[in-house]
C-alpha atoms as a PDB file:
ATOM      1  CA  UNK A   1     193.396  68.277  27.614  1.00  0.00           C
ATOM      2  CA  UNK A   2     194.121  71.322  25.477  1.00  0.00           C
ATOM      3  CA  UNK A   3     197.738  70.275  24.841  1.00  0.00           C
ATOM      4  CA  UNK A   4     196.867  66.697  23.824  1.00  0.00           C
ATOM      5  CA  UNK A   5     197.118  67.022  20.036  1.00  0.00           C
ATOM      6  CA  UNK A   6     199.310  64.003  19.181  1.00  0.00           C
ATOM      7  CA  UNK A   7     200.611  63.051  16.694  1.00  0.00           C
ATOM      8  CA  UNK A   8     200.882  66.786  16.008  1.00  0.00           C
ATOM      9  CA  UNK A   9     203.138  68.896  18.216  1.00  0.00           C
ATOM     10  CA  UNK A  10     203.354  72.569  19.117  1.00  0.00           C
ATOM     11  CA  UNK A  11     206.765  73.976  18.205  1.00  0.00           C
ATOM     12  CA  UNK A  12     207.131  77.227  20.127  1.00  0.00           C
ATOM     13  CA  UNK A  13     210.796  77.943  19.329  1.00  0.00           C
ATOM     14  CA  UNK A  14     211.213  81.486  18.013  1.00  0.00           C
ATOM     15  CA  UNK A  15     212.370  81.999  14.427  1.00  0.00           C
ATOM     16  CA  UNK A  16     212.567  85.065  12.193  1.00  0.00           C
ATOM     17  CA  UNK A  17     210.110  83.743   9.641  1.00  0.00           C
ATOM     18  CA  UNK A  18     208.022  85.486   7.044  1.00  0.00           C
ATOM     19  CA  UNK A  19     204.510  84.227   6.294  1.00  0.00           C
ATOM     20  CA  UNK A  20     203.788  82.061   3.255  1.00  0.00           C
ATOM     21  CA  UNK A  21     200.470  81.943   1.415  1.00  0.00           C
ATOM     22  CA  UNK A  22     199.093  79.158   3.653  1.00  0.00           C
ATOM     23  CA  UNK A  23     200.394  80.601   6.922  1.00  0.00           C
ATOM     24  CA  UNK A  24     197.679  81.237   9.514  1.00  0.00           C
ATOM     25  CA  UNK A  25     197.145  84.866  10.513  1.00  0.00           C
ATOM     26  CA  UNK A  26     195.732  85.516  13.977  1.00  0.00           C
ATOM     27  CA  UNK A  27     194.357  88.833  15.146  1.00  0.00           C
ATOM     28  CA  UNK A  28     192.707  89.911  18.396  1.00  0.00           C
ATOM     29  CA  UNK A  29     190.438  92.691  19.571  1.00  0.00           C
ATOM     30  CA  UNK A  30     188.917  93.221  23.033  1.00  0.00           C
ATOM     31  CA  UNK A  31     189.419  89.587  24.159  1.00  0.00           C
ATOM     32  CA  UNK A  32     188.139  88.290  20.838  1.00  0.00           C
ATOM     33  CA  UNK A  33     189.871  86.394  18.038  1.00  0.00           C
ATOM     34  CA  UNK A  34     189.267  86.628  14.303  1.00  0.00           C
ATOM     35  CA  UNK A  35     188.293  83.324  12.678  1.00  0.00           C
ATOM     36  CA  UNK A  36     185.628  81.381  10.796  1.00  0.00           C
ATOM     37  CA  UNK A  37     183.730  78.643  12.587  1.00  0.00           C
ATOM     38  CA  UNK A  38     181.412  76.102  10.987  1.00  0.00           C
ATOM     39  CA  UNK A  39     181.881  72.826  12.891  1.00  0.00           C
ATOM     40  CA  UNK A  40     185.628  73.482  12.909  1.00  0.00           C
ATOM     41  CA  UNK A  41     187.934  76.464  13.304  1.00  0.00           C
ATOM     42  CA  UNK A  42     189.376  78.094  10.216  1.00  0.00           C
ATOM     43  CA  UNK A  43     191.995  80.801  10.581  1.00  0.00           C
ATOM     44  CA  UNK A  44     192.633  83.445   7.969  1.00  0.00           C
ATOM     45  CA  UNK A  45     195.489  82.520   5.626  1.00  0.00           C
ATOM     46  CA  UNK A  46     198.153  84.981   4.588  1.00  0.00           C
ATOM     47  CA  UNK A  47     196.946  84.744   0.994  1.00  0.00           C
ATOM     48  CA  UNK A  48     193.372  85.632   1.989  1.00  0.00           C
ATOM     49  CA  UNK A  49     194.624  88.451   4.182  1.00  0.00           C
ATOM     50  CA  UNK A  50     196.909  90.044   1.606  1.00  0.00           C
ATOM     51  CA  UNK A  51     194.345  89.690  -1.217  1.00  0.00           C
ATOM     52  CA  UNK A  52     191.754  91.452   0.939  1.00  0.00           C
ATOM     53  CA  UNK A  53     194.086  94.281   1.874  1.00  0.00           C
ATOM     54  CA  UNK A  54     195.117  94.834  -1.748  1.00  0.00           C
ATOM     55  CA  UNK A  55     191.480  94.869  -2.896  1.00  0.00           C
ATOM     56  CA  UNK A  56     190.798  97.518  -0.257  1.00  0.00           C
ATOM     57  CA  UNK A  57     193.955  99.393  -1.272  1.00  0.00           C
ATOM     58  CA  UNK A  58     195.260  99.224   2.275  1.00  0.00           C
ATOM     59  CA  UNK A  59     198.725  98.469   3.583  1.00  0.00           C
ATOM     60  CA  UNK A  60     199.428  94.963   4.827  1.00  0.00           C
ATOM     61  CA  UNK A  61     200.191  95.151   8.570  1.00  0.00           C
ATOM     62  CA  UNK A  62     203.413  93.701   9.925  1.00  0.00           C
ATOM     63  CA  UNK A  63     203.260  90.203  11.338  1.00  0.00           C
ATOM     64  CA  UNK A  64     205.197  88.345  14.035  1.00  0.00           C
ATOM     65  CA  UNK A  65     205.913  84.625  13.885  1.00  0.00           C
ATOM     66  CA  UNK A  66     204.331  82.855  16.874  1.00  0.00           C
ATOM     67  CA  UNK A  67     204.777  79.064  16.543  1.00  0.00           C
ATOM     68  CA  UNK A  68     204.054  76.106  14.323  1.00  0.00           C
ATOM     69  CA  UNK A  69     201.801  73.077  14.701  1.00  0.00           C
ATOM     70  CA  UNK A  70     202.714  70.291  12.326  1.00  0.00           C
ATOM     71  CA  UNK A  71     203.382  71.896   8.959  1.00  0.00           C
ATOM     72  CA  UNK A  72     201.386  75.053   9.674  1.00  0.00           C
ATOM     73  CA  UNK A  73     202.966  78.337  10.773  1.00  0.00           C
ATOM     74  CA  UNK A  74     200.990  80.836  12.858  1.00  0.00           C
ATOM     75  CA  UNK A  75     201.577  84.588  12.843  1.00  0.00           C
ATOM     76  CA  UNK A  76     200.236  87.501  14.859  1.00  0.00           C
ATOM     77  CA  UNK A  77     198.974  90.485  12.876  1.00  0.00           C
ATOM     78  CA  UNK A  78     196.798  93.547  13.397  1.00  0.00           C
ATOM     79  CA  UNK A  79     193.214  92.882  12.275  1.00  0.00           C
ATOM     80  CA  UNK A  80     190.992  95.909  12.849  1.00  0.00           C
ATOM     81  CA  UNK A  81     187.634  95.573  14.596  1.00  0.00           C
ATOM     82  CA  UNK A  82     185.732  96.576  11.433  1.00  0.00           C
ATOM     83  CA  UNK A  83     187.492  94.057   9.150  1.00  0.00           C
ATOM     84  CA  UNK A  84     184.974  92.286   6.914  1.00  0.00           C
ATOM     85  CA  UNK A  85     185.927  89.058   5.133  1.00  0.00           C
ATOM     86  CA  UNK A  86     183.154  86.659   4.129  1.00  0.00           C
ATOM     87  CA  UNK A  87     182.563  83.999   6.767  1.00  0.00           C
ATOM     88  CA  UNK A  88     185.059  85.458   9.228  1.00  0.00           C
ATOM     89  CA  UNK A  89     184.255  87.368  12.408  1.00  0.00           C
ATOM     90  CA  UNK A  90     185.589  88.163  15.851  1.00  0.00           C
ATOM     91  CA  UNK A  91     184.630  85.468  18.378  1.00  0.00           C
ATOM     92  CA  UNK A  92     184.972  85.662  22.153  1.00  0.00           C
ATOM     93  CA  UNK A  93     188.004  83.807  23.443  1.00  0.00           C
ATOM     94  CA  UNK A  94     185.726  82.145  25.994  1.00  0.00           C
ATOM     95  CA  UNK A  95     183.644  80.610  23.195  1.00  0.00           C
ATOM     96  CA  UNK A  96     186.752  79.107  21.586  1.00  0.00           C
ATOM     97  CA  UNK A  97     186.964  76.638  24.493  1.00  0.00           C
ATOM     98  CA  UNK A  98     184.108  74.565  23.056  1.00  0.00           C
ATOM     99  CA  UNK A  99     185.269  74.677  19.430  1.00  0.00           C
ATOM    100  CA  UNK A 100     187.099  72.028  17.391  1.00  0.00           C
ATOM    101  CA  UNK A 101     189.634  70.792  16.445  1.00  0.00           C
ATOM    102  CA  UNK A 102     191.717  70.779  19.629  1.00  0.00           C
ATOM    103  CA  UNK A 103     194.917  71.794  17.841  1.00  0.00           C
ATOM    104  CA  UNK A 104     193.325  75.084  16.812  1.00  0.00           C
ATOM    105  CA  UNK A 105     191.914  75.682  20.293  1.00  0.00           C
ATOM    106  CA  UNK A 106     195.484  75.277  21.546  1.00  0.00           C
ATOM    107  CA  UNK A 107     196.700  77.594  18.789  1.00  0.00           C
ATOM    108  CA  UNK A 108     194.145  80.265  19.705  1.00  0.00           C
ATOM    109  CA  UNK A 109     194.936  80.101  23.434  1.00  0.00           C
ATOM    110  CA  UNK A 110     198.714  80.130  22.919  1.00  0.00           C
ATOM    111  CA  UNK A 111     198.503  82.971  20.404  1.00  0.00           C
ATOM    112  CA  UNK A 112     196.329  84.940  22.833  1.00  0.00           C
ATOM    113  CA  UNK A 113     198.963  84.415  25.557  1.00  0.00           C
ATOM    114  CA  UNK A 114     201.669  85.843  23.304  1.00  0.00           C
ATOM    115  CA  UNK A 115     199.439  88.656  22.012  1.00  0.00           C
ATOM    116  CA  UNK A 116     198.748  89.842  25.569  1.00  0.00           C
ATOM    117  CA  UNK A 117     202.457  89.802  26.337  1.00  0.00           C
ATOM    118  CA  UNK A 118     203.370  91.774  23.204  1.00  0.00           C
ATOM    119  CA  UNK A 119     200.493  94.201  23.810  1.00  0.00           C
ATOM    120  CA  UNK A 120     201.538  94.905  27.406  1.00  0.00           C
ATOM    121  CA  UNK A 121     205.296  95.135  26.842  1.00  0.00           C
ATOM    122  CA  UNK A 122     205.822  97.826  24.245  1.00  0.00           C
ATOM    123  CA  UNK A 123     207.952 100.069  26.477  1.00  0.00           C
ATOM    124  CA  UNK A 124     210.797  99.372  28.861  1.00  0.00           C
ATOM    125  CA  UNK A 125     209.699  99.255  32.491  1.00  0.00           C
ATOM    126  CA  UNK A 126     213.154 100.401  33.582  1.00  0.00           C
ATOM    127  CA  UNK A 127     213.804 103.466  31.408  1.00  0.00           C
ATOM    128  CA  UNK A 128     210.642 103.947  29.326  1.00  0.00           C
ATOM    129  CA  UNK A 129     212.299 103.496  25.922  1.00  0.00           C
ATOM    130  CA  UNK A 130     210.410 101.721  23.123  1.00  0.00           C
ATOM    131  CA  UNK A 131     211.252  98.001  23.180  1.00  0.00           C
ATOM    132  CA  UNK A 132     212.456  96.124  20.101  1.00  0.00           C
ATOM    133  CA  UNK A 133     212.023  92.500  19.051  1.00  0.00           C
ATOM    134  CA  UNK A 134     215.090  90.381  19.650  1.00  0.00           C
ATOM    135  CA  UNK A 135     216.349  88.622  16.523  1.00  0.00           C
ATOM    136  CA  UNK A 136     217.390  85.325  18.110  1.00  0.00           C
ATOM    137  CA  UNK A 137     214.798  84.413  20.727  1.00  0.00           C
ATOM    138  CA  UNK A 138     211.312  85.201  22.044  1.00  0.00           C
ATOM    139  CA  UNK A 139     212.248  88.349  23.890  1.00  0.00           C
ATOM    140  CA  UNK A 140     211.868  92.125  23.814  1.00  0.00           C
ATOM    141  CA  UNK A 141     215.059  94.128  24.225  1.00  0.00           C
ATOM    142  CA  UNK A 142     215.544  97.726  25.306  1.00  0.00           C
ATOM    143  CA  UNK A 143     217.996  99.451  22.925  1.00  0.00           C
ATOM    144  CA  UNK A 144     218.837 102.082  25.544  1.00  0.00           C
ATOM    145  CA  UNK A 145     219.427 100.301  28.863  1.00  0.00           C
ATOM    146  CA  UNK A 146     219.659  96.672  27.718  1.00  0.00           C
ATOM    147  CA  UNK A 147     216.682  95.465  29.732  1.00  0.00           C
ATOM    148  CA  UNK A 148     215.484  92.020  28.562  1.00  0.00           C
ATOM    149  CA  UNK A 149     211.773  91.206  28.745  1.00  0.00           C
ATOM    150  CA  UNK A 150     210.639  87.587  28.348  1.00  0.00           C
ATOM    151  CA  UNK A 151     207.073  86.241  28.060  1.00  0.00           C
ATOM    152  CA  UNK A 152     205.228  86.126  31.366  1.00  0.00           C
ATOM    153  CA  UNK A 153     203.954  82.780  32.610  1.00  0.00           C
ATOM    154  CA  UNK A 154     201.994  82.784  35.878  1.00  0.00           C
ATOM    155  CA  UNK A 155     202.101  79.523  37.903  1.00  0.00           C
ATOM    156  CA  UNK A 156     198.770  78.558  39.472  1.00  0.00           C
ATOM    157  CA  UNK A 157     197.516  75.467  41.288  1.00  0.00           C
ATOM    158  CA  UNK A 158     194.353  73.427  40.710  1.00  0.00           C
ATOM    159  CA  UNK A 159     193.367  71.595  43.886  1.00  0.00           C
ATOM    160  CA  UNK A 160     191.431  68.352  44.166  1.00  0.00           C
ATOM    161  CA  UNK A 161     190.605  68.326  47.879  1.00  0.00           C
ATOM    162  CA  UNK A 162     189.109  64.958  48.847  1.00  0.00           C
ATOM    163  CA  UNK A 163     187.528  63.390  51.899  1.00  0.00           C
ATOM    164  CA  UNK A 164     187.020  59.673  51.344  1.00  0.00           C
ATOM    165  CA  UNK A 165     184.457  59.266  48.563  1.00  0.00           C
ATOM    166  CA  UNK A 166     183.864  62.999  48.227  1.00  0.00           C
ATOM    167  CA  UNK A 167     185.646  65.827  46.436  1.00  0.00           C
ATOM    168  CA  UNK A 168     185.220  69.526  47.148  1.00  0.00           C
ATOM    169  CA  UNK A 169     183.741  71.226  44.089  1.00  0.00           C
ATOM    170  CA  UNK A 170     183.200  74.941  43.675  1.00  0.00           C
ATOM    171  CA  UNK A 171     181.687  77.600  41.453  1.00  0.00           C
ATOM    172  CA  UNK A 172     183.303  80.952  40.807  1.00  0.00           C
ATOM    173  CA  UNK A 173     181.723  84.237  41.844  1.00  0.00           C
ATOM    174  CA  UNK A 174     181.202  86.806  39.097  1.00  0.00           C
ATOM    175  CA  UNK A 175     182.869  84.910  36.257  1.00  0.00           C
ATOM    176  CA  UNK A 176     181.728  83.864  32.813  1.00  0.00           C
ATOM    177  CA  UNK A 177     182.437  80.196  33.587  1.00  0.00           C
ATOM    178  CA  UNK A 178     179.401  78.872  35.518  1.00  0.00           C
ATOM    179  CA  UNK A 179     180.089  75.133  35.730  1.00  0.00           C
ATOM    180  CA  UNK A 180     181.696  73.204  38.576  1.00  0.00           C
ATOM    181  CA  UNK A 181     185.365  73.940  39.200  1.00  0.00           C
ATOM    182  CA  UNK A 182     187.991  73.121  41.824  1.00  0.00           C
ATOM    183  CA  UNK A 183     189.738  75.453  44.229  1.00  0.00           C
ATOM    184  CA  UNK A 184     192.532  77.259  42.396  1.00  0.00           C
ATOM    185  CA  UNK A 185     194.942  80.112  42.940  1.00  0.00           C
ATOM    186  CA  UNK A 186     198.223  81.736  41.961  1.00  0.00           C
ATOM    187  CA  UNK A 187     201.556  80.939  43.576  1.00  0.00           C
ATOM    188  CA  UNK A 188     202.825  83.985  45.424  1.00  0.00           C
ATOM    189  CA  UNK A 189     206.366  85.275  45.865  1.00  0.00           C
ATOM    190  CA  UNK A 190     208.435  83.128  48.203  1.00  0.00           C
ATOM    191  CA  UNK A 191     206.187  80.086  48.440  1.00  0.00           C
ATOM    192  CA  UNK A 192     206.246  76.613  46.921  1.00  0.00           C
ATOM    193  CA  UNK A 193     203.366  75.220  44.879  1.00  0.00           C
ATOM    194  CA  UNK A 194     202.533  72.897  47.785  1.00  0.00           C
ATOM    195  CA  UNK A 195     202.345  75.862  50.149  1.00  0.00           C
ATOM    196  CA  UNK A 196     200.046  77.555  47.648  1.00  0.00           C
ATOM    197  CA  UNK A 197     197.711  74.530  47.836  1.00  0.00           C
ATOM    198  CA  UNK A 198     197.399  74.740  51.626  1.00  0.00           C
ATOM    199  CA  UNK A 199     197.043  78.520  51.648  1.00  0.00           C
ATOM    200  CA  UNK A 200     194.401  78.697  48.912  1.00  0.00           C
ATOM    201  CA  UNK A 201     192.225  76.024  50.536  1.00  0.00           C
ATOM    202  CA  UNK A 202     192.397  77.818  53.872  1.00  0.00           C
ATOM    203  CA  UNK A 203     191.674  81.226  52.307  1.00  0.00           C
ATOM    204  CA  UNK A 204     188.772  80.113  50.117  1.00  0.00           C
ATOM    205  CA  UNK A 205     186.982  77.518  52.273  1.00  0.00           C
ATOM    206  CA  UNK A 206     188.702  77.634  55.692  1.00  0.00           C
ATOM    207  CA  UNK A 207     189.850  73.992  55.680  1.00  0.00           C
ATOM    208  CA  UNK A 208     193.184  72.342  56.520  1.00  0.00           C
ATOM    209  CA  UNK A 209     194.770  69.821  54.166  1.00  0.00           C
ATOM    210  CA  UNK A 210     197.292  66.962  54.307  1.00  0.00           C
ATOM    211  CA  UNK A 211     198.978  64.486  51.940  1.00  0.00           C
ATOM    212  CA  UNK A 212     199.511  67.040  49.153  1.00  0.00           C
ATOM    213  CA  UNK A 213     200.557  65.207  45.985  1.00  0.00           C
ATOM    214  CA  UNK A 214     201.302  66.362  42.448  1.00  0.00           C
ATOM    215  CA  UNK A 215     199.077  65.115  39.610  1.00  0.00           C
ATOM    216  CA  UNK A 216     199.794  66.853  36.277  1.00  0.00           C
ATOM    217  CA  UNK A 217     200.428  70.250  34.651  1.00  0.00           C
ATOM    218  CA  UNK A 218     198.817  72.154  31.790  1.00  0.00           C
ATOM    219  CA  UNK A 219     199.562  75.321  29.780  1.00  0.00           C
ATOM    220  CA  UNK A 220     196.555  77.646  29.912  1.00  0.00           C
ATOM    221  CA  UNK A 221     197.126  80.483  27.485  1.00  0.00           C
ATOM    222  CA  UNK A 222     193.625  81.909  27.993  1.00  0.00           C
ATOM    223  CA  UNK A 223     194.970  83.493  31.201  1.00  0.00           C
ATOM    224  CA  UNK A 224     198.757  83.316  30.626  1.00  0.00           C
ATOM    225  CA  UNK A 225     199.031  80.534  33.200  1.00  0.00           C
ATOM    226  CA  UNK A 226     200.853  77.292  33.791  1.00  0.00           C
ATOM    227  CA  UNK A 227     198.437  75.163  35.824  1.00  0.00           C
ATOM    228  CA  UNK A 228     199.812  72.666  38.345  1.00  0.00           C
ATOM    229  CA  UNK A 229     197.333  70.027  39.472  1.00  0.00           C
ATOM    230  CA  UNK A 230     197.471  68.667  43.023  1.00  0.00           C
ATOM    231  CA  UNK A 231     195.321  66.282  45.030  1.00  0.00           C
ATOM    232  CA  UNK A 232     195.213  66.491  48.806  1.00  0.00           C
ATOM    233  CA  UNK A 233     193.156  65.096  51.692  1.00  0.00           C
ATOM    234  CA  UNK A 234     191.060  66.896  54.276  1.00  0.00           C
ATOM    235  CA  UNK A 235     193.168  67.093  57.449  1.00  0.00           C
ATOM    236  CA  UNK A 236     190.340  67.577  59.936  1.00  0.00           C
ATOM    237  CA  UNK A 237     186.573  67.864  59.822  1.00  0.00           C
ATOM    238  CA  UNK A 238     185.283  71.445  59.864  1.00  0.00           C
ATOM    239  CA  UNK A 239     182.534  73.596  58.402  1.00  0.00           C
ATOM    240  CA  UNK A 240     183.217  75.231  55.064  1.00  0.00           C
ATOM    241  CA  UNK A 241     183.853  78.964  55.446  1.00  0.00           C
ATOM    242  CA  UNK A 242     183.199  80.346  51.978  1.00  0.00           C
ATOM    243  CA  UNK A 243     185.236  83.271  50.649  1.00  0.00           C
ATOM    244  CA  UNK A 244     182.332  84.927  48.846  1.00  0.00           C
ATOM    245  CA  UNK A 245     184.428  87.354  46.809  1.00  0.00           C
ATOM    246  CA  UNK A 246     186.066  84.374  45.074  1.00  0.00           C
ATOM    247  CA  UNK A 247     183.414  81.652  45.192  1.00  0.00           C
ATOM    248  CA  UNK A 248     179.640  81.485  44.920  1.00  0.00           C
ATOM    249  CA  UNK A 249     179.543  77.818  46.029  1.00  0.00           C
ATOM    250  CA  UNK A 250     181.710  75.144  47.629  1.00  0.00           C
ATOM    251  CA  UNK A 251     180.288  71.721  48.448  1.00  0.00           C
ATOM    252  CA  UNK A 252     181.316  68.117  48.953  1.00  0.00           C
ATOM    253  CA  UNK A 253     180.245  65.976  45.997  1.00  0.00           C
ATOM    254  CA  UNK A 254     180.129  62.172  46.084  1.00  0.00           C
ATOM    255  CA  UNK A 255     182.286  60.528  43.432  1.00  0.00           C
ATOM    256  CA  UNK A 256     179.184  58.984  41.847  1.00  0.00           C
ATOM    257  CA  UNK A 257     177.806  62.468  41.156  1.00  0.00           C
ATOM    258  CA  UNK A 258     180.902  63.927  39.520  1.00  0.00           C
ATOM    259  CA  UNK A 259     179.852  64.952  35.965  1.00  0.00           C
ATOM    260  CA  UNK A 260     181.459  63.727  32.756  1.00  0.00           C
ATOM    261  CA  UNK A 261     183.915  65.850  30.790  1.00  0.00           C
ATOM    262  CA  UNK A 262     182.707  66.024  27.160  1.00  0.00           C
ATOM    263  CA  UNK A 263     185.157  68.802  26.200  1.00  0.00           C
ATOM    264  CA  UNK A 264     188.352  67.070  27.323  1.00  0.00           C
ATOM    265  CA  UNK A 265     189.919  70.537  27.512  1.00  0.00           C
ATOM    266  CA  UNK A 266     190.970  71.473  31.026  1.00  0.00           C
ATOM    267  CA  UNK A 267     193.075  70.063  33.830  1.00  0.00           C
ATOM    268  CA  UNK A 268     190.291  70.911  36.285  1.00  0.00           C
ATOM    269  CA  UNK A 269     187.711  68.734  34.560  1.00  0.00           C
ATOM    270  CA  UNK A 270     190.199  65.908  34.022  1.00  0.00           C
ATOM    271  CA  UNK A 271     191.030  65.875  37.737  1.00  0.00           C
ATOM    272  CA  UNK A 272     187.350  65.591  38.642  1.00  0.00           C
ATOM    273  CA  UNK A 273     186.850  62.621  36.331  1.00  0.00           C
ATOM    274  CA  UNK A 274     190.144  61.058  37.457  1.00  0.00           C
ATOM    275  CA  UNK A 275     188.901  61.150  41.055  1.00  0.00           C
ATOM    276  CA  UNK A 276     185.583  59.546  40.105  1.00  0.00           C
ATOM    277  CA  UNK A 277     187.205  56.764  38.111  1.00  0.00           C
ATOM    278  CA  UNK A 278     189.806  56.044  40.784  1.00  0.00           C
ATOM    279  CA  UNK A 279     187.120  55.746  43.458  1.00  0.00           C
ATOM    280  CA  UNK A 280     185.016  53.525  41.173  1.00  0.00           C
ATOM    281  CA  UNK A 281     188.029  51.260  40.714  1.00  0.00           C
ATOM    282  CA  UNK A 282     188.719  51.173  44.467  1.00  0.00           C
ATOM    283  CA  UNK A 283     185.126  50.129  45.226  1.00  0.00           C
ATOM    284  CA  UNK A 284     185.198  47.439  42.551  1.00  0.00           C
ATOM    285  CA  UNK A 285     188.261  45.958  44.260  1.00  0.00           C
ATOM    286  CA  UNK A 286     186.707  46.050  47.747  1.00  0.00           C
END
């Protein structure tokens, strides 16, 4: 999955760092990220960025330290939409999902998550004063009323609903992602993740579930989420009642027909393949 980058590790602890020549500079515009891609991702270095700005006789924008992966530091900076550096361009965040290497896909998604938070939290929601960066941790602080604003992480569930040898697979309505998915949804105020599983299945396909069991979690910076994977069993036979505003399709798929996962990126796809392999193993032992 996106976080599986061993032996490298994402270090997301906040530090007051300044970029070095080989630091990676990440900039975003209209759900796009600035990078070069030719078989593998290449982010703009601080040296390339500062040389370009000096050649153009422009000021070098401020940067904010984001995180490190291995020996590389990543910073957020302001890269204008009309910036032209040979080989580099703005790419849709959605297209980054299929790029390589995985560590830079993780870097792009995590940086996007933080960019969205910084972009949307420039002013205090309590008193309206301009927020300031805290010096000790990843936080925005209001100098007037003392309000503390931390990065937003939205918990959501991914649901592998099964009935014997079949798993319920879906397709989203009106989204860029057109491949098979699983039922998913956000945890609401006052409910547990397990209650979210039961509620989302009932809302989206009108089915009751039982034997809810946790599988695995995944950070998903593309949408500022923490995904929690659960498997559960169909509680009673019933016709699927499709929520058409959310889904364009929901159908039972035999384990033999579950597709492979060439990307190895998402919890959703891993859960599908996990179900197929577990059922294959069960039948081999019959």
